[in-house]
Amino acid sequence: MTTFFSKTSNYREQEGKELKDHLRAVDEDLNNIFKGAFLFPQYDIVNLRNLTGLPSYTAYVGYMCVVNGKANICTASGTPGTWQIIGLQT
């Protein structure tokens, strides 16, 4: 009986560690994407910094960035993800 609880406890500890690691990685990804972003809730404005190229790190569907003055959204998760220009920007 002690062995069972010991194994269960170790499994839960490992599962908890994996979840913390995953959340830390997601937080790091979001910090990379929104680094330098400013929110102005009173005006419903989000200010993203302008990048010179698409992000090369893991991106998830819905991530947004601005590259050379054009807004992009990630449409397929991956490293670097699939990015598409939003709308008809020139």
N, C-alpha and C. Protein backbone atom coordinates (compact mmCIF):
# COMPACT_ATOMS: atom_id res chain seq x y z
N MET A 1 0.82 -1.19 0.00
CA MET A 1 0.00 0.00 0.00
C MET A 1 0.86 1.26 0.00
N THR A 2 1.93 1.26 0.74
CA THR A 2 2.80 2.43 0.79
C THR A 2 3.39 2.71 -0.59
N THR A 3 3.75 1.66 -1.31
CA THR A 3 4.33 1.82 -2.65
C THR A 3 3.34 2.51 -3.58
N PHE A 4 2.07 2.10 -3.52
CA PHE A 4 1.05 2.71 -4.38
C PHE A 4 0.96 4.21 -4.13
N PHE A 5 0.85 4.62 -2.89
CA PHE A 5 0.74 6.03 -2.58
C PHE A 5 2.01 6.79 -2.97
N SER A 6 3.13 6.15 -2.78
CA SER A 6 4.40 6.77 -3.15
C SER A 6 4.45 7.02 -4.66
N LYS A 7 4.03 6.04 -5.45
CA LYS A 7 4.02 6.19 -6.90
C LYS A 7 3.01 7.26 -7.33
N THR A 8 1.83 7.25 -6.70
CA THR A 8 0.81 8.25 -7.02
C THR A 8 1.31 9.64 -6.68
N SER A 9 1.93 9.78 -5.54
CA SER A 9 2.45 11.07 -5.12
C SER A 9 3.53 11.56 -6.08
N ASN A 10 4.44 10.67 -6.47
CA ASN A 10 5.49 11.04 -7.41
C ASN A 10 4.90 11.44 -8.77
N TYR A 11 3.86 10.72 -9.20
CA TYR A 11 3.21 11.04 -10.46
C TYR A 11 2.59 12.44 -10.40
N ARG A 12 1.90 12.72 -9.30
CA ARG A 12 1.26 14.04 -9.15
C ARG A 12 2.30 15.14 -9.08
N GLU A 13 3.41 14.90 -8.41
CA GLU A 13 4.48 15.90 -8.34
C GLU A 13 5.04 16.16 -9.73
N GLN A 14 5.26 15.08 -10.50
CA GLN A 14 5.78 15.22 -11.86
C GLN A 14 4.78 15.96 -12.74
N GLU A 15 3.50 15.60 -12.62
CA GLU A 15 2.45 16.25 -13.40
C GLU A 15 2.39 17.75 -13.06
N GLY A 16 2.50 18.08 -11.79
CA GLY A 16 2.50 19.47 -11.35
C GLY A 16 3.70 20.23 -11.90
N LYS A 17 4.87 19.58 -11.91
CA LYS A 17 6.08 20.21 -12.44
C LYS A 17 5.94 20.46 -13.93
N GLU A 18 5.38 19.49 -14.68
CA GLU A 18 5.19 19.66 -16.12
C GLU A 18 4.23 20.81 -16.41
N LEU A 19 3.16 20.92 -15.62
CA LEU A 19 2.20 22.01 -15.80
C LEU A 19 2.87 23.36 -15.54
N LYS A 20 3.65 23.45 -14.47
CA LYS A 20 4.36 24.70 -14.16
C LYS A 20 5.33 25.06 -15.28
N ASP A 21 6.05 24.06 -15.81
CA ASP A 21 6.98 24.30 -16.90
C ASP A 21 6.25 24.80 -18.15
N HIS A 22 5.09 24.19 -18.44
CA HIS A 22 4.29 24.59 -19.60
C HIS A 22 3.80 26.03 -19.43
N LEU A 23 3.28 26.35 -18.26
CA LEU A 23 2.78 27.70 -18.01
C LEU A 23 3.90 28.72 -18.08
N ARG A 24 5.08 28.36 -17.60
CA ARG A 24 6.24 29.26 -17.68
C ARG A 24 6.61 29.52 -19.14
N ALA A 25 6.57 28.47 -19.98
CA ALA A 25 6.90 28.61 -21.40
C ALA A 25 5.86 29.49 -22.11
N VAL A 26 4.58 29.29 -21.80
CA VAL A 26 3.53 30.11 -22.40
C VAL A 26 3.71 31.57 -22.00
N ASP A 27 4.01 31.81 -20.73
CA ASP A 27 4.23 33.16 -20.24
C ASP A 27 5.41 33.81 -20.96
N GLU A 28 6.46 33.04 -21.18
CA GLU A 28 7.64 33.54 -21.88
C GLU A 28 7.29 33.89 -23.33
N ASP A 29 6.50 33.04 -23.99
CA ASP A 29 6.06 33.31 -25.36
C ASP A 29 5.26 34.61 -25.43
N LEU A 30 4.32 34.77 -24.51
CA LEU A 30 3.51 35.98 -24.51
C LEU A 30 4.35 37.22 -24.23
N ASN A 31 5.32 37.09 -23.33
CA ASN A 31 6.20 38.23 -23.06
C ASN A 31 7.00 38.61 -24.31
N ASN A 32 7.44 37.61 -25.09
CA ASN A 32 8.17 37.90 -26.32
C ASN A 32 7.29 38.61 -27.34
N ILE A 33 6.06 38.17 -27.47
CA ILE A 33 5.16 38.76 -28.46
C ILE A 33 4.74 40.17 -28.06
N PHE A 34 4.42 40.37 -26.79
CA PHE A 34 3.90 41.66 -26.37
C PHE A 34 4.95 42.55 -25.72
N LYS A 35 6.23 42.20 -25.88
CA LYS A 35 7.30 43.03 -25.35
C LYS A 35 7.18 44.42 -25.98
N GLY A 36 7.05 45.41 -25.17
CA GLY A 36 6.92 46.77 -25.68
C GLY A 36 5.50 47.14 -26.05
N ALA A 37 4.54 46.24 -25.81
CA ALA A 37 3.14 46.56 -26.13
C ALA A 37 2.55 47.42 -25.02
N PHE A 38 1.72 48.35 -25.42
CA PHE A 38 1.04 49.21 -24.45
C PHE A 38 -0.45 49.10 -24.68
N LEU A 39 -1.21 49.02 -23.60
CA LEU A 39 -2.66 48.95 -23.70
C LEU A 39 -3.24 50.27 -23.24
N PHE A 40 -4.17 50.79 -24.01
CA PHE A 40 -4.87 52.02 -23.65
C PHE A 40 -6.36 51.70 -23.60
N PRO A 41 -6.83 51.07 -22.49
CA PRO A 41 -8.22 50.61 -22.45
C PRO A 41 -9.26 51.72 -22.63
N GLN A 42 -8.92 52.94 -22.20
CA GLN A 42 -9.90 54.02 -22.34
C GLN A 42 -10.16 54.36 -23.81
N TYR A 43 -9.23 53.99 -24.71
CA TYR A 43 -9.39 54.27 -26.14
C TYR A 43 -9.55 52.99 -26.96
N ASP A 44 -9.56 51.83 -26.33
CA ASP A 44 -9.62 50.53 -27.02
C ASP A 44 -8.48 50.39 -28.04
N ILE A 45 -7.26 50.77 -27.62
CA ILE A 45 -6.09 50.72 -28.50
C ILE A 45 -5.06 49.76 -27.93
N VAL A 46 -4.46 48.97 -28.80
CA VAL A 46 -3.30 48.15 -28.43
C VAL A 46 -2.16 48.62 -29.31
N ASN A 47 -1.05 48.96 -28.70
CA ASN A 47 0.11 49.44 -29.45
C ASN A 47 1.18 48.35 -29.44
N LEU A 48 1.45 47.73 -30.61
CA LEU A 48 2.47 46.70 -30.74
C LEU A 48 3.71 47.29 -31.39
N ARG A 49 4.89 46.84 -30.96
CA ARG A 49 6.09 47.35 -31.60
C ARG A 49 6.25 46.73 -32.98
N ASN A 50 6.89 47.44 -33.87
CA ASN A 50 7.08 47.01 -35.25
C ASN A 50 8.31 46.12 -35.36
N LEU A 51 8.15 44.89 -35.87
CA LEU A 51 9.25 43.95 -36.05
C LEU A 51 9.77 44.05 -37.48
N THR A 52 11.00 43.60 -37.70
CA THR A 52 11.55 43.61 -39.05
C THR A 52 11.33 42.27 -39.76
N GLY A 53 10.89 41.26 -39.03
CA GLY A 53 10.61 39.94 -39.62
C GLY A 53 9.64 39.17 -38.74
N LEU A 54 9.08 38.12 -39.30
CA LEU A 54 8.15 37.29 -38.52
C LEU A 54 8.88 36.62 -37.36
N PRO A 55 8.20 36.42 -36.23
CA PRO A 55 8.82 35.75 -35.09
C PRO A 55 9.27 34.33 -35.46
N SER A 56 10.42 33.92 -34.92
CA SER A 56 10.96 32.59 -35.24
C SER A 56 10.66 31.57 -34.14
N TYR A 57 10.11 32.01 -33.02
CA TYR A 57 9.81 31.11 -31.91
C TYR A 57 8.42 30.49 -32.07
N THR A 58 8.06 29.59 -31.19
CA THR A 58 6.76 28.93 -31.24
C THR A 58 5.64 29.94 -31.12
N ALA A 59 4.69 29.88 -32.03
CA ALA A 59 3.54 30.77 -32.01
C ALA A 59 2.27 29.91 -31.99
N TYR A 60 1.23 30.46 -31.42
CA TYR A 60 -0.04 29.76 -31.32
C TYR A 60 -1.12 30.55 -32.05
N VAL A 61 -2.16 29.87 -32.50
CA VAL A 61 -3.25 30.51 -33.22
C VAL A 61 -3.78 31.69 -32.40
N GLY A 62 -3.87 32.83 -33.06
CA GLY A 62 -4.38 34.03 -32.40
C GLY A 62 -3.30 35.01 -31.99
N TYR A 63 -2.04 34.56 -31.94
CA TYR A 63 -0.95 35.50 -31.64
C TYR A 63 -0.94 36.56 -32.74
N MET A 64 -0.60 37.78 -32.38
CA MET A 64 -0.54 38.86 -33.34
C MET A 64 0.80 39.57 -33.26
N CYS A 65 1.24 40.13 -34.38
CA CYS A 65 2.45 40.93 -34.40
C CYS A 65 2.35 41.91 -35.56
N VAL A 66 3.24 42.90 -35.56
CA VAL A 66 3.33 43.85 -36.66
C VAL A 66 4.70 43.68 -37.28
N VAL A 67 4.74 43.45 -38.59
CA VAL A 67 6.01 43.28 -39.31
C VAL A 67 6.04 44.30 -40.44
N ASN A 68 7.05 45.16 -40.40
CA ASN A 68 7.20 46.21 -41.42
C ASN A 68 5.91 47.00 -41.62
N GLY A 69 5.24 47.31 -40.52
CA GLY A 69 4.04 48.15 -40.58
C GLY A 69 2.76 47.43 -40.93
N LYS A 70 2.80 46.10 -41.06
CA LYS A 70 1.60 45.33 -41.41
C LYS A 70 1.23 44.37 -40.28
N ALA A 71 -0.03 44.42 -39.86
CA ALA A 71 -0.50 43.53 -38.79
C ALA A 71 -0.61 42.11 -39.32
N ASN A 72 -0.13 41.15 -38.52
CA ASN A 72 -0.18 39.73 -38.87
C ASN A 72 -0.83 38.96 -37.74
N ILE A 73 -1.46 37.84 -38.09
CA ILE A 73 -2.04 36.96 -37.08
C ILE A 73 -1.58 35.53 -37.38
N CYS A 74 -1.32 34.77 -36.32
CA CYS A 74 -0.93 33.37 -36.48
C CYS A 74 -2.18 32.54 -36.74
N THR A 75 -2.17 31.80 -37.86
CA THR A 75 -3.33 31.00 -38.24
C THR A 75 -3.13 29.50 -38.02
N ALA A 76 -1.88 29.09 -37.76
CA ALA A 76 -1.57 27.69 -37.46
C ALA A 76 -0.38 27.65 -36.51
N SER A 77 -0.56 26.98 -35.38
CA SER A 77 0.49 26.90 -34.38
C SER A 77 1.71 26.17 -34.91
N GLY A 78 2.87 26.52 -34.36
CA GLY A 78 4.09 25.83 -34.73
C GLY A 78 5.30 26.70 -34.49
N THR A 79 6.44 26.19 -34.89
CA THR A 79 7.68 26.95 -34.77
C THR A 79 8.19 27.18 -36.18
N PRO A 80 8.02 28.30 -36.78
CA PRO A 80 7.60 29.57 -36.22
C PRO A 80 6.10 29.82 -36.26
N GLY A 81 5.30 28.91 -36.76
CA GLY A 81 3.86 29.16 -36.92
C GLY A 81 3.58 29.67 -38.32
N THR A 82 2.31 29.67 -38.70
CA THR A 82 1.90 30.19 -40.00
C THR A 82 1.26 31.55 -39.76
N TRP A 83 1.83 32.57 -40.39
CA TRP A 83 1.38 33.94 -40.19
C TRP A 83 0.69 34.45 -41.45
N GLN A 84 -0.34 35.27 -41.25
CA GLN A 84 -1.06 35.85 -42.38
C GLN A 84 -1.29 37.32 -42.10
N ILE A 85 -1.11 38.15 -43.13
CA ILE A 85 -1.38 39.57 -42.99
C ILE A 85 -2.88 39.74 -42.79
N ILE A 86 -3.25 40.62 -41.87
CA ILE A 86 -4.66 40.85 -41.56
C ILE A 86 -5.22 41.87 -42.54
N GLY A 87 -6.29 41.53 -43.23
CA GLY A 87 -6.97 42.48 -44.11
C GLY A 87 -6.21 42.80 -45.37
N LEU A 88 -6.51 43.96 -45.95
CA LEU A 88 -5.91 44.39 -47.22
C LEU A 88 -4.98 45.57 -46.97
N GLN A 89 -3.91 45.35 -46.28
CA GLN A 89 -2.96 46.41 -45.98
C GLN A 89 -1.98 46.56 -47.13
N THR A 90 -1.59 47.78 -47.40
CA THR A 90 -0.62 48.02 -48.48
C THR A 90 0.68 48.54 -47.90
